[in-house]
Amino acid sequence: MEGRSGQLKRLNQQSSRGTASCCLDVDDSGKSVPVANYSSGSVVSLPVPSCIRRVP
């Protein structure tokens, strides 16, 4: 998020390797994002690059 404005800033973009992504979450470790694709019926776990991981 951008300072005072609170606007989101794109840090990265990755393909979900499917169509119509409908559900995603960040795992407890903060190192991956599982994504469910509705139309293609696939699931993928995408890595979160260390340079954009949230520091607790």
Protein backbone atom coordinates (compact mmCIF):
# COMPACT_ATOMS: atom_id res chain seq x y z
CA MET A 1 0.00 0.00 0.00
CA GLU A 2 1.10 3.49 -0.76
CA GLY A 3 1.80 5.58 2.34
CA ARG A 4 -1.02 7.94 3.24
CA SER A 5 -3.20 7.30 0.19
CA GLY A 6 -3.72 3.62 1.06
CA GLN A 7 -3.79 2.76 -2.65
CA LEU A 8 -2.49 -0.63 -3.69
CA LYS A 9 0.66 -0.77 -5.76
CA ARG A 10 1.37 -3.68 -8.12
CA LEU A 11 4.57 -5.38 -7.05
CA ASN A 12 4.49 -8.45 -9.25
CA GLN A 13 2.34 -10.29 -11.79
CA GLN A 14 2.30 -14.02 -12.52
CA SER A 15 0.13 -16.28 -14.65
CA SER A 16 -2.26 -18.53 -12.74
CA ARG A 17 -1.68 -21.12 -15.48
CA GLY A 18 -5.44 -21.52 -15.88
CA THR A 19 -8.61 -19.58 -16.62
CA ALA A 20 -11.01 -17.67 -14.39
CA SER A 21 -9.01 -17.55 -11.17
CA CYS A 22 -11.58 -17.48 -8.40
CA CYS A 23 -9.87 -18.09 -5.08
CA LEU A 24 -6.44 -17.28 -3.72
CA ASP A 25 -4.73 -16.87 -0.38
CA VAL A 26 -1.25 -16.37 1.02
CA ASP A 27 -0.03 -19.43 2.92
CA ASP A 28 0.98 -19.14 6.59
CA SER A 29 4.69 -18.91 5.72
CA GLY A 30 4.06 -16.01 3.33
CA LYS A 31 6.14 -17.80 0.71
CA SER A 32 3.43 -19.00 -1.68
CA VAL A 33 -0.04 -18.16 -3.00
CA PRO A 34 -2.31 -21.10 -3.85
CA VAL A 35 -4.73 -20.20 -6.67
CA ALA A 36 -7.85 -22.09 -7.82
CA ASN A 37 -8.94 -21.63 -11.44
CA TYR A 38 -12.68 -22.04 -11.97
CA SER A 39 -13.02 -22.67 -15.71
CA SER A 40 -9.96 -24.84 -16.20
CA GLY A 41 -10.47 -26.68 -12.89
CA SER A 42 -6.81 -26.37 -11.99
CA VAL A 43 -4.95 -25.34 -8.86
CA VAL A 44 -1.46 -23.88 -8.71
CA SER A 45 0.81 -22.68 -5.92
CA LEU A 46 2.79 -19.61 -6.97
CA PRO A 47 5.95 -18.51 -5.16
CA VAL A 48 6.11 -15.07 -3.55
CA PRO A 49 9.49 -13.50 -4.37
CA SER A 50 11.52 -12.71 -1.26
CA CYS A 51 11.86 -9.07 -2.32
CA ILE A 52 8.11 -8.49 -1.82
CA ARG A 53 7.35 -10.69 1.16
CA ARG A 54 5.73 -8.90 4.04
CA VAL A 55 7.93 -8.53 7.07
CA PRO A 56 6.03 -9.20 10.32
